[in-house]
Amino acid sequence: IDLLPSKYIFIKQCSRKHEPHYNVSKYICECWNTISNLIFIVIGLLRLMDENLYVGYEELVVLYTLFVVAGFCSGIHHMLNYKYTIFLLVLYSNYSWL
């Protein structure tokens, strides 16, 4: 059974393709996914270095700190690509705030 009308056929053609493991580097499992997480770290660190951010905007400090943590956690997950690394890193980042 075809559930999508013919005008939505492009959705079927745009399926996600996984990056080949260890294709670019023999040390990093999904190299381009790992590199793409750098933008989270860079934006978070740049915004945290802004001195005006701390005056009255404490929530933004938490947000940009989480940007950095998410960038590191996702980068480590894509670098190692073990089955449960993402869950361990997310649990660590959530409980490190307590």
PDB file of N, CA and C in Angstrom:
ATOM      1  N   ILE A   1       0.854  -1.185   0.000  1.00  0.00           N
ATOM      2  CA  ILE A   1       0.000   0.000   0.000  1.00  0.00           C
ATOM      3  C   ILE A   1       0.889   1.235   0.000  1.00  0.00           C
ATOM      4  N   ASP A   2       0.582   2.165  -0.869  1.00  0.00           N
ATOM      5  CA  ASP A   2       1.307   3.427  -0.932  1.00  0.00           C
ATOM      6  C   ASP A   2       0.503   4.470  -0.162  1.00  0.00           C
ATOM      7  N   LEU A   3       1.034   4.912   0.976  1.00  0.00           N
ATOM      8  CA  LEU A   3       0.303   5.839   1.833  1.00  0.00           C
ATOM      9  C   LEU A   3       0.476   7.294   1.436  1.00  0.00           C
ATOM     10  N   LEU A   4       1.501   7.601   0.664  1.00  0.00           N
ATOM     11  CA  LEU A   4       1.740   8.979   0.266  1.00  0.00           C
ATOM     12  C   LEU A   4       1.201   9.226  -1.135  1.00  0.00           C
ATOM     13  N   PRO A   5       0.517  10.352  -1.322  1.00  0.00           N
ATOM     14  CA  PRO A   5       0.091  10.709  -2.683  1.00  0.00           C
ATOM     15  C   PRO A   5       1.308  10.946  -3.568  1.00  0.00           C
ATOM     16  N   SER A   6       1.097  10.919  -4.872  1.00  0.00           N
ATOM     17  CA  SER A   6       2.217  11.019  -5.807  1.00  0.00           C
ATOM     18  C   SER A   6       2.943  12.359  -5.698  1.00  0.00           C
ATOM     19  N   LYS A   7       2.255  13.421  -5.273  1.00  0.00           N
ATOM     20  CA  LYS A   7       2.944  14.711  -5.169  1.00  0.00           C
ATOM     21  C   LYS A   7       3.936  14.741  -4.006  1.00  0.00           C
ATOM     22  N   TYR A   8       3.878  13.775  -3.089  1.00  0.00           N
ATOM     23  CA  TYR A   8       4.821  13.701  -1.974  1.00  0.00           C
ATOM     24  C   TYR A   8       5.867  12.609  -2.175  1.00  0.00           C
ATOM     25  N   ILE A   9       6.079  12.216  -3.409  1.00  0.00           N
ATOM     26  CA  ILE A   9       7.019  11.144  -3.700  1.00  0.00           C
ATOM     27  C   ILE A   9       8.451  11.540  -3.354  1.00  0.00           C
ATOM     28  N   PHE A  10       8.751  12.864  -3.334  1.00  0.00           N
ATOM     29  CA  PHE A  10      10.102  13.327  -3.025  1.00  0.00           C
ATOM     30  C   PHE A  10      10.504  12.971  -1.595  1.00  0.00           C
ATOM     31  N   ILE A  11       9.550  12.793  -0.696  1.00  0.00           N
ATOM     32  CA  ILE A  11       9.859  12.413   0.686  1.00  0.00           C
ATOM     33  C   ILE A  11      10.487  11.029   0.706  1.00  0.00           C
ATOM     34  N   LYS A  12      10.003  10.131  -0.114  1.00  0.00           N
ATOM     35  CA  LYS A  12      10.577   8.796  -0.185  1.00  0.00           C
ATOM     36  C   LYS A  12      12.000   8.834  -0.746  1.00  0.00           C
ATOM     37  N   GLN A  13      12.245   9.722  -1.691  1.00  0.00           N
ATOM     38  CA  GLN A  13      13.550   9.790  -2.338  1.00  0.00           C
ATOM     39  C   GLN A  13      14.599  10.439  -1.445  1.00  0.00           C
ATOM     40  N   CYS A  14      14.185  11.227  -0.472  1.00  0.00           N
ATOM     41  CA  CYS A  14      15.119  11.947   0.400  1.00  0.00           C
ATOM     42  C   CYS A  14      15.331  11.215   1.708  1.00  0.00           C
ATOM     43  N   SER A  15      15.537   9.942   1.654  1.00  0.00           N
ATOM     44  CA  SER A  15      15.767   9.187   2.878  1.00  0.00           C
ATOM     45  C   SER A  15      17.170   9.485   3.401  1.00  0.00           C
ATOM     46  N   ARG A  16      17.353   9.350   4.694  1.00  0.00           N
ATOM     47  CA  ARG A  16      18.627   9.665   5.338  1.00  0.00           C
ATOM     48  C   ARG A  16      19.664   8.613   4.980  1.00  0.00           C
ATOM     49  N   LYS A  17      20.821   9.080   4.576  1.00  0.00           N
ATOM     50  CA  LYS A  17      21.918   8.177   4.258  1.00  0.00           C
ATOM     51  C   LYS A  17      22.967   8.296   5.355  1.00  0.00           C
ATOM     52  N   HIS A  18      23.370   7.171   5.906  1.00  0.00           N
ATOM     53  CA  HIS A  18      24.351   7.166   6.977  1.00  0.00           C
ATOM     54  C   HIS A  18      25.753   7.379   6.420  1.00  0.00           C
ATOM     55  N   GLU A  19      26.551   8.062   7.213  1.00  0.00           N
ATOM     56  CA  GLU A  19      27.943   8.282   6.834  1.00  0.00           C
ATOM     57  C   GLU A  19      28.727   6.987   7.015  1.00  0.00           C
ATOM     58  N   PRO A  20      29.540   6.617   6.049  1.00  0.00           N
ATOM     59  CA  PRO A  20      30.354   5.400   6.204  1.00  0.00           C
ATOM     60  C   PRO A  20      31.319   5.557   7.381  1.00  0.00           C
ATOM     61  N   HIS A  21      31.437   4.526   8.192  1.00  0.00           N
ATOM     62  CA  HIS A  21      32.288   4.577   9.369  1.00  0.00           C
ATOM     63  C   HIS A  21      33.761   4.546   8.981  1.00  0.00           C
ATOM     64  N   TYR A  22      34.549   5.369   9.656  1.00  0.00           N
ATOM     65  CA  TYR A  22      35.997   5.464   9.482  1.00  0.00           C
ATOM     66  C   TYR A  22      36.381   5.695   8.026  1.00  0.00           C
ATOM     67  N   ASN A  23      35.587   6.470   7.310  1.00  0.00           N
ATOM     68  CA  ASN A  23      35.849   6.736   5.905  1.00  0.00           C
ATOM     69  C   ASN A  23      36.914   7.819   5.732  1.00  0.00           C
ATOM     70  N   VAL A  24      36.894   8.846   6.572  1.00  0.00           N
ATOM     71  CA  VAL A  24      37.814   9.971   6.444  1.00  0.00           C
ATOM     72  C   VAL A  24      39.047   9.786   7.338  1.00  0.00           C
ATOM     73  N   SER A  25      38.814   9.326   8.562  1.00  0.00           N
ATOM     74  CA  SER A  25      39.899   9.162   9.526  1.00  0.00           C
ATOM     75  C   SER A  25      39.792   7.776  10.166  1.00  0.00           C
ATOM     76  N   LYS A  26      40.937   7.192  10.462  1.00  0.00           N
ATOM     77  CA  LYS A  26      40.896   5.874  11.096  1.00  0.00           C
ATOM     78  C   LYS A  26      40.655   5.965  12.594  1.00  0.00           C
ATOM     79  N   TYR A  27      40.603   7.192  13.147  1.00  0.00           N
ATOM     80  CA  TYR A  27      40.382   7.385  14.577  1.00  0.00           C
ATOM     81  C   TYR A  27      38.981   7.880  14.913  1.00  0.00           C
ATOM     82  N   ILE A  28      38.286   8.434  13.938  1.00  0.00           N
ATOM     83  CA  ILE A  28      36.958   9.011  14.173  1.00  0.00           C
ATOM     84  C   ILE A  28      35.945   8.244  13.335  1.00  0.00           C
ATOM     85  N   CYS A  29      34.920   7.714  13.997  1.00  0.00           N
ATOM     86  CA  CYS A  29      33.956   6.856  13.315  1.00  0.00           C
ATOM     87  C   CYS A  29      33.163   7.629  12.253  1.00  0.00           C
ATOM     88  N   GLU A  30      32.484   8.684  12.642  1.00  0.00           N
ATOM     89  CA  GLU A  30      31.708   9.504  11.705  1.00  0.00           C
ATOM     90  C   GLU A  30      32.313  10.904  11.716  1.00  0.00           C
ATOM     91  N   CYS A  31      33.271  11.118  10.845  1.00  0.00           N
ATOM     92  CA  CYS A  31      34.091  12.325  10.883  1.00  0.00           C
ATOM     93  C   CYS A  31      33.271  13.592  10.659  1.00  0.00           C
ATOM     94  N   TRP A  32      32.453  13.638   9.634  1.00  0.00           N
ATOM     95  CA  TRP A  32      31.734  14.880   9.317  1.00  0.00           C
ATOM     96  C   TRP A  32      30.645  15.173  10.337  1.00  0.00           C
ATOM     97  N   ASN A  33      30.029  14.157  10.898  1.00  0.00           N
ATOM     98  CA  ASN A  33      29.071  14.384  11.984  1.00  0.00           C
ATOM     99  C   ASN A  33      29.778  14.943  13.211  1.00  0.00           C
ATOM    100  N   THR A  34      30.980  14.471  13.484  1.00  0.00           N
ATOM    101  CA  THR A  34      31.749  14.969  14.620  1.00  0.00           C
ATOM    102  C   THR A  34      32.140  16.427  14.402  1.00  0.00           C
ATOM    103  N   ILE A  35      32.621  16.745  13.223  1.00  0.00           N
ATOM    104  CA  ILE A  35      33.037  18.116  12.918  1.00  0.00           C
ATOM    105  C   ILE A  35      31.841  19.069  12.950  1.00  0.00           C
ATOM    106  N   SER A  36      30.690  18.599  12.509  1.00  0.00           N
ATOM    107  CA  SER A  36      29.519  19.488  12.471  1.00  0.00           C
ATOM    108  C   SER A  36      29.056  19.893  13.865  1.00  0.00           C
ATOM    109  N   ASN A  37      29.467  19.181  14.898  1.00  0.00           N
ATOM    110  CA  ASN A  37      29.101  19.561  16.264  1.00  0.00           C
ATOM    111  C   ASN A  37      29.957  20.700  16.802  1.00  0.00           C
ATOM    112  N   LEU A  38      31.027  21.046  16.110  1.00  0.00           N
ATOM    113  CA  LEU A  38      31.874  22.153  16.565  1.00  0.00           C
ATOM    114  C   LEU A  38      31.126  23.475  16.602  1.00  0.00           C
ATOM    115  N   ILE A  39      30.147  23.657  15.744  1.00  0.00           N
ATOM    116  CA  ILE A  39      29.413  24.925  15.719  1.00  0.00           C
ATOM    117  C   ILE A  39      28.669  25.153  17.033  1.00  0.00           C
ATOM    118  N   PHE A  40      28.160  24.093  17.649  1.00  0.00           N
ATOM    119  CA  PHE A  40      27.507  24.237  18.948  1.00  0.00           C
ATOM    120  C   PHE A  40      28.499  24.707  19.999  1.00  0.00           C
ATOM    121  N   ILE A  41      29.684  24.132  19.973  1.00  0.00           N
ATOM    122  CA  ILE A  41      30.706  24.491  20.961  1.00  0.00           C
ATOM    123  C   ILE A  41      31.177  25.917  20.735  1.00  0.00           C
ATOM    124  N   VAL A  42      31.427  26.275  19.480  1.00  0.00           N
ATOM    125  CA  VAL A  42      31.930  27.619  19.169  1.00  0.00           C
ATOM    126  C   VAL A  42      30.897  28.688  19.520  1.00  0.00           C
ATOM    127  N   ILE A  43      29.648  28.494  19.107  1.00  0.00           N
ATOM    128  CA  ILE A  43      28.616  29.492  19.411  1.00  0.00           C
ATOM    129  C   ILE A  43      28.411  29.607  20.913  1.00  0.00           C
ATOM    130  N   GLY A  44      28.360  28.492  21.603  1.00  0.00           N
ATOM    131  CA  GLY A  44      28.183  28.531  23.044  1.00  0.00           C
ATOM    132  C   GLY A  44      29.308  29.262  23.742  1.00  0.00           C
ATOM    133  N   LEU A  45      30.549  28.972  23.370  1.00  0.00           N
ATOM    134  CA  LEU A  45      31.692  29.627  24.005  1.00  0.00           C
ATOM    135  C   LEU A  45      31.763  31.109  23.670  1.00  0.00           C
ATOM    136  N   LEU A  46      31.467  31.464  22.425  1.00  0.00           N
ATOM    137  CA  LEU A  46      31.483  32.881  22.058  1.00  0.00           C
ATOM    138  C   LEU A  46      30.429  33.678  22.832  1.00  0.00           C
ATOM    139  N   ARG A  47      29.254  33.094  22.967  1.00  0.00           N
ATOM    140  CA  ARG A  47      28.203  33.790  23.708  1.00  0.00           C
ATOM    141  C   ARG A  47      28.498  33.841  25.206  1.00  0.00           C
ATOM    142  N   LEU A  48      29.140  32.822  25.740  1.00  0.00           N
ATOM    143  CA  LEU A  48      29.494  32.834  27.151  1.00  0.00           C
ATOM    144  C   LEU A  48      30.604  33.837  27.448  1.00  0.00           C
ATOM    145  N   MET A  49      31.405  34.186  26.451  1.00  0.00           N
ATOM    146  CA  MET A  49      32.455  35.183  26.649  1.00  0.00           C
ATOM    147  C   MET A  49      31.907  36.608  26.614  1.00  0.00           C
ATOM    148  N   ASP A  50      30.656  36.778  26.190  1.00  0.00           N
ATOM    149  CA  ASP A  50      30.029  38.102  26.152  1.00  0.00           C
ATOM    150  C   ASP A  50      29.726  38.567  27.577  1.00  0.00           C
ATOM    151  N   GLU A  51      30.340  39.651  28.004  1.00  0.00           N
ATOM    152  CA  GLU A  51      30.185  40.119  29.384  1.00  0.00           C
ATOM    153  C   GLU A  51      28.780  40.645  29.664  1.00  0.00           C
ATOM    154  N   ASN A  52      28.096  41.152  28.653  1.00  0.00           N
ATOM    155  CA  ASN A  52      26.749  41.695  28.852  1.00  0.00           C
ATOM    156  C   ASN A  52      25.705  40.614  29.045  1.00  0.00           C
ATOM    157  N   LEU A  53      26.056  39.378  28.745  1.00  0.00           N
ATOM    158  CA  LEU A  53      25.112  38.270  28.844  1.00  0.00           C
ATOM    159  C   LEU A  53      24.725  37.983  30.290  1.00  0.00           C
ATOM    160  N   TYR A  54      25.630  38.237  31.209  1.00  0.00           N
ATOM    161  CA  TYR A  54      25.417  37.848  32.596  1.00  0.00           C
ATOM    162  C   TYR A  54      24.522  38.813  33.360  1.00  0.00           C
ATOM    163  N   VAL A  55      24.274  39.994  32.823  1.00  0.00           N
ATOM    164  CA  VAL A  55      23.484  41.004  33.536  1.00  0.00           C
ATOM    165  C   VAL A  55      22.010  40.792  33.229  1.00  0.00           C
ATOM    166  N   GLY A  56      21.303  40.148  34.133  1.00  0.00           N
ATOM    167  CA  GLY A  56      19.862  39.969  33.991  1.00  0.00           C
ATOM    168  C   GLY A  56      19.422  38.830  33.093  1.00  0.00           C
ATOM    169  N   TYR A  57      20.343  38.089  32.540  1.00  0.00           N
ATOM    170  CA  TYR A  57      19.980  37.013  31.612  1.00  0.00           C
ATOM    171  C   TYR A  57      20.621  35.694  32.052  1.00  0.00           C
ATOM    172  N   GLU A  58      20.359  35.306  33.263  1.00  0.00           N
ATOM    173  CA  GLU A  58      20.958  34.082  33.784  1.00  0.00           C
ATOM    174  C   GLU A  58      20.502  32.851  33.008  1.00  0.00           C
ATOM    175  N   GLU A  59      19.294  32.904  32.468  1.00  0.00           N
ATOM    176  CA  GLU A  59      18.785  31.767  31.692  1.00  0.00           C
ATOM    177  C   GLU A  59      19.616  31.540  30.436  1.00  0.00           C
ATOM    178  N   LEU A  60      20.101  32.625  29.836  1.00  0.00           N
ATOM    179  CA  LEU A  60      20.918  32.473  28.631  1.00  0.00           C
ATOM    180  C   LEU A  60      22.273  31.850  28.942  1.00  0.00           C
ATOM    181  N   VAL A  61      22.781  32.101  30.127  1.00  0.00           N
ATOM    182  CA  VAL A  61      24.036  31.464  30.526  1.00  0.00           C
ATOM    183  C   VAL A  61      23.845  29.946  30.568  1.00  0.00           C
ATOM    184  N   VAL A  62      22.732  29.505  31.128  1.00  0.00           N
ATOM    185  CA  VAL A  62      22.432  28.068  31.174  1.00  0.00           C
ATOM    186  C   VAL A  62      22.245  27.533  29.754  1.00  0.00           C
ATOM    187  N   LEU A  63      21.536  28.273  28.920  1.00  0.00           N
ATOM    188  CA  LEU A  63      21.286  27.834  27.543  1.00  0.00           C
ATOM    189  C   LEU A  63      22.585  27.656  26.766  1.00  0.00           C
ATOM    190  N   TYR A  64      23.464  28.639  26.833  1.00  0.00           N
ATOM    191  CA  TYR A  64      24.700  28.535  26.064  1.00  0.00           C
ATOM    192  C   TYR A  64      25.668  27.522  26.668  1.00  0.00           C
ATOM    193  N   THR A  65      25.586  27.313  27.959  1.00  0.00           N
ATOM    194  CA  THR A  65      26.378  26.242  28.564  1.00  0.00           C
ATOM    195  C   THR A  65      25.882  24.891  28.064  1.00  0.00           C
ATOM    196  N   LEU A  66      24.573  24.747  27.937  1.00  0.00           N
ATOM    197  CA  LEU A  66      24.015  23.508  27.390  1.00  0.00           C
ATOM    198  C   LEU A  66      24.378  23.327  25.920  1.00  0.00           C
ATOM    199  N   PHE A  67      24.521  24.430  25.167  1.00  0.00           N
ATOM    200  CA  PHE A  67      25.007  24.338  23.793  1.00  0.00           C
ATOM    201  C   PHE A  67      26.374  23.664  23.771  1.00  0.00           C
ATOM    202  N   VAL A  68      27.265  24.123  24.644  1.00  0.00           N
ATOM    203  CA  VAL A  68      28.616  23.573  24.682  1.00  0.00           C
ATOM    204  C   VAL A  68      28.576  22.102  25.093  1.00  0.00           C
ATOM    205  N   VAL A  69      27.791  21.787  26.113  1.00  0.00           N
ATOM    206  CA  VAL A  69      27.691  20.400  26.587  1.00  0.00           C
ATOM    207  C   VAL A  69      27.104  19.507  25.494  1.00  0.00           C
ATOM    208  N   ALA A  70      26.073  19.982  24.807  1.00  0.00           N
ATOM    209  CA  ALA A  70      25.465  19.189  23.730  1.00  0.00           C
ATOM    210  C   ALA A  70      26.458  18.965  22.592  1.00  0.00           C
ATOM    211  N   GLY A  71      27.245  19.980  22.269  1.00  0.00           N
ATOM    212  CA  GLY A  71      28.256  19.829  21.225  1.00  0.00           C
ATOM    213  C   GLY A  71      29.291  18.780  21.575  1.00  0.00           C
ATOM    214  N   PHE A  72      29.772  18.811  22.826  1.00  0.00           N
ATOM    215  CA  PHE A  72      30.748  17.812  23.264  1.00  0.00           C
ATOM    216  C   PHE A  72      30.132  16.416  23.302  1.00  0.00           C
ATOM    217  N   CYS A  73      28.943  16.301  23.872  1.00  0.00           N
ATOM    218  CA  CYS A  73      28.311  14.984  23.992  1.00  0.00           C
ATOM    219  C   CYS A  73      28.024  14.365  22.631  1.00  0.00           C
ATOM    220  N   SER A  74      27.468  15.150  21.734  1.00  0.00           N
ATOM    221  CA  SER A  74      27.163  14.621  20.407  1.00  0.00           C
ATOM    222  C   SER A  74      28.449  14.319  19.631  1.00  0.00           C
ATOM    223  N   GLY A  75      29.451  15.166  19.793  1.00  0.00           N
ATOM    224  CA  GLY A  75      30.725  14.924  19.123  1.00  0.00           C
ATOM    225  C   GLY A  75      31.377  13.641  19.587  1.00  0.00           C
ATOM    226  N   ILE A  76      31.360  13.401  20.901  1.00  0.00           N
ATOM    227  CA  ILE A  76      31.941  12.166  21.429  1.00  0.00           C
ATOM    228  C   ILE A  76      31.157  10.954  20.938  1.00  0.00           C
ATOM    229  N   HIS A  77      29.834  11.098  20.898  1.00  0.00           N
ATOM    230  CA  HIS A  77      29.011   9.978  20.415  1.00  0.00           C
ATOM    231  C   HIS A  77      29.355   9.635  18.966  1.00  0.00           C
ATOM    232  N   HIS A  78      29.452  10.651  18.100  1.00  0.00           N
ATOM    233  CA  HIS A  78      29.752  10.378  16.692  1.00  0.00           C
ATOM    234  C   HIS A  78      31.200   9.947  16.492  1.00  0.00           C
ATOM    235  N   MET A  79      32.084  10.377  17.389  1.00  0.00           N
ATOM    236  CA  MET A  79      33.482   9.982  17.267  1.00  0.00           C
ATOM    237  C   MET A  79      33.666   8.508  17.620  1.00  0.00           C
ATOM    238  N   LEU A  80      33.025   8.074  18.687  1.00  0.00           N
ATOM    239  CA  LEU A  80      33.197   6.694  19.149  1.00  0.00           C
ATOM    240  C   LEU A  80      32.154   5.752  18.571  1.00  0.00           C
ATOM    241  N   ASN A  81      30.914   6.230  18.475  1.00  0.00           N
ATOM    242  CA  ASN A  81      29.779   5.499  17.909  1.00  0.00           C
ATOM    243  C   ASN A  81      29.551   4.148  18.582  1.00  0.00           C
ATOM    244  N   TYR A  82      29.687   4.119  19.895  1.00  0.00           N
ATOM    245  CA  TYR A  82      29.280   2.939  20.642  1.00  0.00           C
ATOM    246  C   TYR A  82      27.779   3.020  20.875  1.00  0.00           C
ATOM    247  N   LYS A  83      27.190   1.914  21.162  1.00  0.00           N
ATOM    248  CA  LYS A  83      25.729   1.838  21.221  1.00  0.00           C
ATOM    249  C   LYS A  83      25.120   2.762  22.276  1.00  0.00           C
ATOM    250  N   TYR A  84      25.721   2.841  23.460  1.00  0.00           N
ATOM    251  CA  TYR A  84      25.093   3.578  24.549  1.00  0.00           C
ATOM    252  C   TYR A  84      25.833   4.856  24.937  1.00  0.00           C
ATOM    253  N   THR A  85      26.777   5.327  24.131  1.00  0.00           N
ATOM    254  CA  THR A  85      27.522   6.526  24.529  1.00  0.00           C
ATOM    255  C   THR A  85      26.624   7.741  24.638  1.00  0.00           C
ATOM    256  N   ILE A  86      25.670   7.899  23.769  1.00  0.00           N
ATOM    257  CA  ILE A  86      24.831   9.098  23.808  1.00  0.00           C
ATOM    258  C   ILE A  86      24.000   9.134  25.084  1.00  0.00           C
ATOM    259  N   PHE A  87      23.517   7.982  25.533  1.00  0.00           N
ATOM    260  CA  PHE A  87      22.710   7.965  26.749  1.00  0.00           C
ATOM    261  C   PHE A  87      23.548   8.270  27.980  1.00  0.00           C
ATOM    262  N   LEU A  88      24.752   7.723  28.034  1.00  0.00           N
ATOM    263  CA  LEU A  88      25.626   7.992  29.171  1.00  0.00           C
ATOM    264  C   LEU A  88      26.029   9.457  29.224  1.00  0.00           C
ATOM    265  N   LEU A  89      26.325  10.050  28.066  1.00  0.00           N
ATOM    266  CA  LEU A  89      26.724  11.450  28.043  1.00  0.00           C
ATOM    267  C   LEU A  89      25.566  12.378  28.395  1.00  0.00           C
ATOM    268  N   VAL A  90      24.376  12.062  27.934  1.00  0.00           N
ATOM    269  CA  VAL A  90      23.210  12.892  28.263  1.00  0.00           C
ATOM    270  C   VAL A  90      22.896  12.788  29.746  1.00  0.00           C
ATOM    271  N   LEU A  91      22.970  11.592  30.304  1.00  0.00           N
ATOM    272  CA  LEU A  91      22.740  11.440  31.742  1.00  0.00           C
ATOM    273  C   LEU A  91      23.770  12.212  32.541  1.00  0.00           C
ATOM    274  N   TYR A  92      25.021  12.144  32.126  1.00  0.00           N
ATOM    275  CA  TYR A  92      26.064  12.876  32.833  1.00  0.00           C
ATOM    276  C   TYR A  92      25.811  14.379  32.769  1.00  0.00           C
ATOM    277  N   SER A  93      25.458  14.878  31.575  1.00  0.00           N
ATOM    278  CA  SER A  93      25.251  16.319  31.442  1.00  0.00           C
ATOM    279  C   SER A  93      24.031  16.783  32.223  1.00  0.00           C
ATOM    280  N   ASN A  94      22.998  15.945  32.313  1.00  0.00           N
ATOM    281  CA  ASN A  94      21.814  16.342  33.062  1.00  0.00           C
ATOM    282  C   ASN A  94      22.071  16.340  34.562  1.00  0.00           C
ATOM    283  N   TYR A  95      22.810  15.368  35.062  1.00  0.00           N
ATOM    284  CA  TYR A  95      23.029  15.274  36.496  1.00  0.00           C
ATOM    285  C   TYR A  95      24.211  16.103  36.970  1.00  0.00           C
ATOM    286  N   SER A  96      24.993  16.645  36.057  1.00  0.00           N
ATOM    287  CA  SER A  96      26.094  17.501  36.480  1.00  0.00           C
ATOM    288  C   SER A  96      25.593  18.860  36.955  1.00  0.00           C
ATOM    289  N   TRP A  97      24.336  19.194  36.664  1.00  0.00           N
ATOM    290  CA  TRP A  97      23.759  20.471  37.105  1.00  0.00           C
ATOM    291  C   TRP A  97      23.280  20.415  38.545  1.00  0.00           C
ATOM    292  N   LEU A  98      23.154  19.208  39.115  1.00  0.00           N
ATOM    293  CA  LEU A  98      22.629  19.088  40.483  1.00  0.00           C
ATOM    294  C   LEU A  98      23.631  19.495  41.529  1.00  0.00           C
TER     295      LEU A  98
END
